[in-house]
Amino acid sequence: MKLLALSTSTPRGSAALFEAADVDLHAEAAALRGGAPSIAAAPAPGARLLAATSYADVHGHAERIFGAVDEVLAAAGIPAAAVQALGCDVGPGSFTGVRVAVAAAKGVALALDVPVAGVTSLEAMAAAAFAAGAASPGDLLVPLIDAKKGEVFLAAFDAPSAAPSLPPRHLPRDAAFDVVAELAAGRRIVVVGAVAEEIEALRPLAARGDALDFPDATWIGRLAIDRLRAAAAGGERGSAEAPHDPALLEPLYVRAPDAKPAELGYTPPR
């Protein structure tokens, strides 16, 4: 399986291309159309990163993400038509950025008739931190993303590949430490995310690194492959309500957007 991963939820945009030899998703298109899934899944030897690229441009994701996709495809010598699955950063993060990746991944997956696995920005950062040894099982690992307006998006994890002990939410910056300390209950706390350096109470707890400061497509892709592998083993793709149907991919905003639909009969001021 060749999987393309995208991330545009923060100032860093990134794309990555993977090959996972133990997951054969040629039958995914048939499964999406209601046919019987015939996906082979083997014990996980991991996935091979074929190419990756990133850029820093929080306001330019819509213009730059497809250039990043073209770059990784060219570097790997693979045509777009050979992509068999997608992994997508669904947020939380920048509202506009989250929408860009979700729309791009959904459009490509629908055009190619392939599955797409959504991965949250915060779990990608957590996976990178555990893999780098910045945190160990038993620690409380807290990835943070700047939510603007004096707030942060955060979640908390106790171990690699585990569901979050604190699901994604937004909190005022000055409340983050108290919430995290209470949840830790005396355990070692490790925070990741570039914004932690801006919060005095969290700065001494911060671990830094490229994939720890912001979510990256290389970790979105690895987690997406794990998700598709688990779905293959469990036969989850056999119905129209399958979790990796691109039509069902949705952003995770966590906080309601500021822009709201105008009320019926509203006339803007002149």
Protein backbone atom coordinates (compact mmCIF):
# COMPACT_ATOMS: atom_id res chain seq x y z
CA MET A 1 0.00 0.00 0.00
CA LYS A 2 1.22 3.48 -0.88
CA LEU A 3 -0.21 6.11 1.44
CA LEU A 4 -0.04 9.89 1.07
CA ALA A 5 -0.25 11.90 4.31
CA LEU A 6 -1.08 15.59 4.70
CA SER A 7 -0.89 18.07 7.58
CA THR A 8 -1.83 21.77 7.48
CA SER A 9 -3.32 22.41 10.93
CA THR A 10 -0.48 24.65 12.19
CA PRO A 11 2.09 27.08 10.71
CA ARG A 12 3.94 24.02 9.36
CA GLY A 13 2.51 22.33 6.29
CA SER A 14 3.81 18.91 5.33
CA ALA A 15 3.28 15.95 3.03
CA ALA A 16 4.72 12.46 3.22
CA LEU A 17 4.54 9.31 1.13
CA PHE A 18 4.77 5.83 2.65
CA GLU A 19 4.82 2.25 1.49
CA ALA A 20 3.46 -0.46 3.77
CA ALA A 21 4.09 -3.84 2.19
CA ASP A 22 1.92 -5.72 4.68
CA VAL A 23 -1.32 -3.88 3.82
CA ASP A 24 -2.89 -4.47 0.42
CA LEU A 25 -5.73 -2.04 -0.20
CA HIS A 26 -6.43 -2.77 -3.87
CA ALA A 27 -9.86 -4.02 -2.81
CA GLU A 28 -10.76 -0.88 -0.87
CA ALA A 29 -12.60 0.69 -3.81
CA ALA A 30 -14.86 -2.34 -4.04
CA ALA A 31 -15.47 -2.18 -0.29
CA LEU A 32 -16.46 1.48 -0.53
CA ARG A 33 -19.00 0.57 -3.22
CA GLY A 34 -20.47 -2.09 -0.96
CA GLY A 35 -18.49 -5.10 -2.18
CA ALA A 36 -16.88 -7.61 0.11
CA PRO A 37 -13.55 -6.43 1.52
CA SER A 38 -10.58 -8.65 0.70
CA ILE A 39 -7.77 -6.79 2.44
CA ALA A 40 -4.70 -8.69 3.52
CA ALA A 41 -3.17 -7.59 6.84
CA ALA A 42 -0.12 -9.18 8.45
CA PRO A 43 1.69 -8.55 11.75
CA ALA A 44 3.04 -5.04 11.56
CA PRO A 45 6.65 -4.67 10.46
CA GLY A 46 6.05 -0.93 10.07
CA ALA A 47 6.04 1.30 7.03
CA ARG A 48 8.77 2.70 4.82
CA LEU A 49 8.95 6.46 4.34
CA LEU A 50 9.48 7.10 0.64
CA ALA A 51 9.59 10.91 0.68
CA ALA A 52 8.61 13.85 2.86
CA THR A 53 8.65 17.62 2.71
CA SER A 54 7.51 20.55 4.83
CA TYR A 55 7.21 24.32 4.68
CA ALA A 56 6.32 27.15 7.05
CA ASP A 57 3.44 29.31 5.81
CA VAL A 58 0.36 29.44 8.03
CA HIS A 59 -1.57 31.60 5.55
CA GLY A 60 -0.48 29.78 2.40
CA HIS A 61 -1.59 26.18 2.89
CA ALA A 62 -4.23 26.28 0.16
CA GLU A 63 -1.63 27.46 -2.34
CA ARG A 64 1.26 25.26 -1.18
CA ILE A 65 -0.02 21.86 -0.05
CA PHE A 66 -0.48 20.47 -3.56
CA GLY A 67 3.00 21.66 -4.46
CA ALA A 68 4.24 19.65 -1.47
CA VAL A 69 2.27 16.64 -2.72
CA ASP A 70 3.82 16.97 -6.18
CA GLU A 71 7.26 17.20 -4.55
CA VAL A 72 6.97 13.94 -2.60
CA LEU A 73 5.47 12.08 -5.55
CA ALA A 74 8.31 13.26 -7.79
CA ALA A 75 10.95 12.41 -5.18
CA ALA A 76 9.57 8.87 -4.90
CA GLY A 77 9.08 8.51 -8.66
CA ILE A 78 5.44 7.57 -8.19
CA PRO A 79 2.43 8.90 -10.15
CA ALA A 80 -0.57 10.22 -8.25
CA ALA A 81 -2.68 7.38 -9.60
CA ALA A 82 -0.52 4.91 -7.65
CA VAL A 83 -1.64 6.32 -4.28
CA GLN A 84 -3.81 3.69 -2.58
CA ALA A 85 -4.79 5.48 0.64
CA LEU A 86 -4.52 8.84 2.40
CA GLY A 87 -3.84 9.98 5.93
CA CYS A 88 -5.08 13.39 7.00
CA ASP A 89 -4.45 15.70 9.95
CA VAL A 90 -8.01 16.58 11.00
CA GLY A 91 -7.04 19.08 13.71
CA PRO A 92 -7.40 20.76 16.05
CA GLY A 93 -5.41 23.79 14.98
CA SER A 94 -5.90 26.71 12.65
CA PHE A 95 -9.50 26.60 11.41
CA THR A 96 -8.48 27.48 7.87
CA GLY A 97 -5.51 25.12 7.91
CA VAL A 98 -7.57 22.18 9.17
CA ARG A 99 -10.13 22.76 6.42
CA VAL A 100 -7.42 22.82 3.74
CA ALA A 101 -6.03 19.37 4.58
CA VAL A 102 -9.44 17.79 5.07
CA ALA A 103 -10.76 19.18 1.78
CA ALA A 104 -7.59 18.19 -0.09
CA ALA A 105 -7.49 14.65 1.33
CA LYS A 106 -11.19 14.12 0.78
CA GLY A 107 -11.00 15.36 -2.81
CA VAL A 108 -8.00 13.21 -3.72
CA ALA A 109 -9.43 10.12 -2.02
CA LEU A 110 -12.78 10.50 -3.76
CA ALA A 111 -11.09 11.07 -7.12
CA LEU A 112 -8.91 7.96 -6.71
CA ASP A 113 -11.64 5.93 -4.97
CA VAL A 114 -9.37 5.07 -2.04
CA PRO A 115 -9.78 5.21 1.75
CA VAL A 116 -8.64 8.04 3.99
CA ALA A 117 -7.81 7.78 7.69
CA GLY A 118 -8.15 10.87 9.87
CA VAL A 119 -5.56 11.44 12.61
CA THR A 120 -5.65 14.27 15.14
CA SER A 121 -2.81 16.76 15.25
CA LEU A 122 -2.31 16.16 18.98
CA GLU A 123 -2.02 12.37 18.74
CA ALA A 124 0.57 12.74 15.98
CA MET A 125 2.67 14.95 18.27
CA ALA A 126 2.22 12.46 21.13
CA ALA A 127 3.31 9.52 18.95
CA ALA A 128 6.42 11.42 17.89
CA ALA A 129 7.27 12.25 21.51
CA PHE A 130 6.94 8.66 22.73
CA ALA A 131 8.97 7.38 19.77
CA ALA A 132 11.73 9.93 20.41
CA GLY A 133 11.98 8.93 24.06
CA ALA A 134 10.85 12.34 25.28
CA ALA A 135 8.17 10.55 27.32
CA SER A 136 7.77 7.01 28.60
CA PRO A 137 4.72 4.89 29.43
CA GLY A 138 3.48 6.03 32.80
CA ASP A 139 4.36 9.67 32.19
CA LEU A 140 1.60 12.13 31.43
CA LEU A 141 2.34 13.43 27.95
CA VAL A 142 0.52 16.61 26.96
CA PRO A 143 0.78 17.95 23.39
CA LEU A 144 -0.20 21.61 22.97
CA ILE A 145 -1.10 23.74 19.96
CA ASP A 146 -1.62 27.50 19.99
CA ALA A 147 -5.37 28.15 19.71
CA LYS A 148 -4.95 31.96 19.63
CA LYS A 149 -7.16 34.24 21.77
CA GLY A 150 -5.04 33.37 24.82
CA GLU A 151 -5.94 29.68 24.59
CA VAL A 152 -4.32 26.36 23.74
CA PHE A 153 -5.59 23.11 22.29
CA LEU A 154 -4.37 20.15 24.32
CA ALA A 155 -4.88 16.47 25.06
CA ALA A 156 -3.15 14.04 27.44
CA PHE A 157 -1.74 10.56 26.83
CA ASP A 158 -0.46 7.90 29.23
CA ALA A 159 1.16 5.52 26.74
CA PRO A 160 1.92 5.04 23.04
CA SER A 161 -1.00 3.86 20.88
CA ALA A 162 -3.45 4.47 23.73
CA ALA A 163 -6.59 6.55 23.65
CA PRO A 164 -6.10 9.96 25.26
CA SER A 165 -6.71 10.13 28.99
CA LEU A 166 -7.85 13.69 28.34
CA PRO A 167 -9.53 14.12 24.93
CA PRO A 168 -8.73 17.20 22.83
CA ARG A 169 -10.05 20.45 24.29
CA HIS A 170 -9.27 24.14 24.46
CA LEU A 171 -8.29 25.96 27.64
CA PRO A 172 -7.03 29.40 28.62
CA ARG A 173 -3.23 29.42 28.67
CA ASP A 174 -3.12 30.37 32.34
CA ALA A 175 -5.37 27.42 33.27
CA ALA A 176 -3.44 24.74 31.36
CA PHE A 177 -0.86 23.97 34.06
CA ASP A 178 -3.44 23.48 36.84
CA VAL A 179 -5.52 21.13 34.69
CA VAL A 180 -2.48 19.11 33.67
CA ALA A 181 -1.05 18.94 37.21
CA GLU A 182 -4.35 17.70 38.62
CA LEU A 183 -4.60 15.03 35.95
CA ALA A 184 -0.99 13.92 36.50
CA ALA A 185 -1.61 13.12 40.18
CA GLY A 186 2.13 13.14 40.94
CA ARG A 187 3.33 11.50 37.74
CA ARG A 188 6.06 13.03 35.60
CA ILE A 189 4.61 15.56 33.15
CA VAL A 190 6.04 16.08 29.68
CA VAL A 191 4.59 18.74 27.41
CA VAL A 192 5.33 19.14 23.73
CA GLY A 193 4.41 21.88 21.30
CA ALA A 194 6.19 25.09 20.39
CA VAL A 195 3.60 27.16 22.27
CA ALA A 196 4.73 25.62 25.59
CA GLU A 197 7.79 27.88 25.48
CA GLU A 198 5.43 30.87 25.73
CA ILE A 199 3.74 29.62 28.94
CA GLU A 200 5.95 30.19 31.96
CA ALA A 201 4.49 27.42 34.12
CA LEU A 202 4.84 24.82 31.35
CA ARG A 203 8.24 25.84 29.96
CA PRO A 204 10.29 23.70 32.42
CA LEU A 205 8.24 20.64 31.41
CA ALA A 206 8.67 21.06 27.66
CA ALA A 207 10.48 18.73 25.27
CA ARG A 208 11.39 20.16 21.88
CA GLY A 209 11.96 18.72 18.41
CA ASP A 210 10.72 19.18 14.87
CA ALA A 211 7.96 16.58 15.14
CA LEU A 212 7.27 17.56 18.76
CA ASP A 213 6.81 21.29 18.15
CA PHE A 214 4.11 20.83 15.48
CA PRO A 215 2.28 17.86 13.96
CA ASP A 216 4.02 16.44 10.91
CA ALA A 217 2.77 14.37 7.98
CA THR A 218 5.39 11.71 8.71
CA TRP A 219 3.55 10.86 11.95
CA ILE A 220 0.10 11.43 10.51
CA GLY A 221 1.03 8.82 7.91
CA ARG A 222 2.35 6.25 10.39
CA LEU A 223 -0.78 6.48 12.53
CA ALA A 224 -3.04 6.39 9.47
CA ILE A 225 -1.35 3.16 8.34
CA ASP A 226 -1.90 1.65 11.79
CA ARG A 227 -5.57 2.62 11.57
CA LEU A 228 -6.03 1.14 8.11
CA ARG A 229 -4.17 -2.00 9.16
CA ALA A 230 -6.50 -2.43 12.14
CA ALA A 231 -9.52 -1.86 9.91
CA ALA A 232 -8.23 -4.49 7.50
CA ALA A 233 -7.81 -7.01 10.29
CA GLY A 234 -11.29 -6.30 11.61
CA GLY A 235 -13.08 -6.04 8.28
CA GLU A 236 -14.36 -2.54 9.07
CA ARG A 237 -14.65 -1.43 5.44
CA GLY A 238 -17.56 -3.66 4.46
CA SER A 239 -20.40 -1.11 4.62
CA ALA A 240 -21.33 2.38 3.51
CA GLU A 241 -20.79 3.54 7.10
CA ALA A 242 -17.15 2.41 7.02
CA PRO A 243 -14.96 4.75 9.11
CA HIS A 244 -12.43 5.38 6.34
CA ASP A 245 -14.90 6.35 3.65
CA PRO A 246 -13.62 9.76 2.41
CA ALA A 247 -17.17 11.09 2.30
CA LEU A 248 -17.25 10.75 6.11
CA LEU A 249 -13.98 12.57 6.83
CA GLU A 250 -14.65 15.59 9.05
CA PRO A 251 -12.44 18.22 10.71
CA LEU A 252 -12.01 18.30 14.48
CA TYR A 253 -12.25 21.96 15.42
CA VAL A 254 -12.74 21.48 19.22
CA ARG A 255 -13.65 25.18 19.55
CA ALA A 256 -16.56 26.61 17.60
CA PRO A 257 -15.46 28.90 14.75
CA ASP A 258 -16.05 32.64 15.09
CA ALA A 259 -17.82 32.92 11.75
CA LYS A 260 -21.49 31.94 11.96
CA PRO A 261 -24.19 31.79 9.29
CA ALA A 262 -26.24 34.96 9.05
CA GLU A 263 -29.70 34.79 10.57
CA LEU A 264 -32.66 34.62 8.21
CA GLY A 265 -33.68 38.13 7.18
CA TYR A 266 -30.37 39.70 8.30
CA THR A 267 -29.34 42.73 6.27
CA PRO A 268 -25.69 43.79 6.56
CA PRO A 269 -25.07 47.43 7.50
CA ARG A 270 -24.24 49.85 4.69
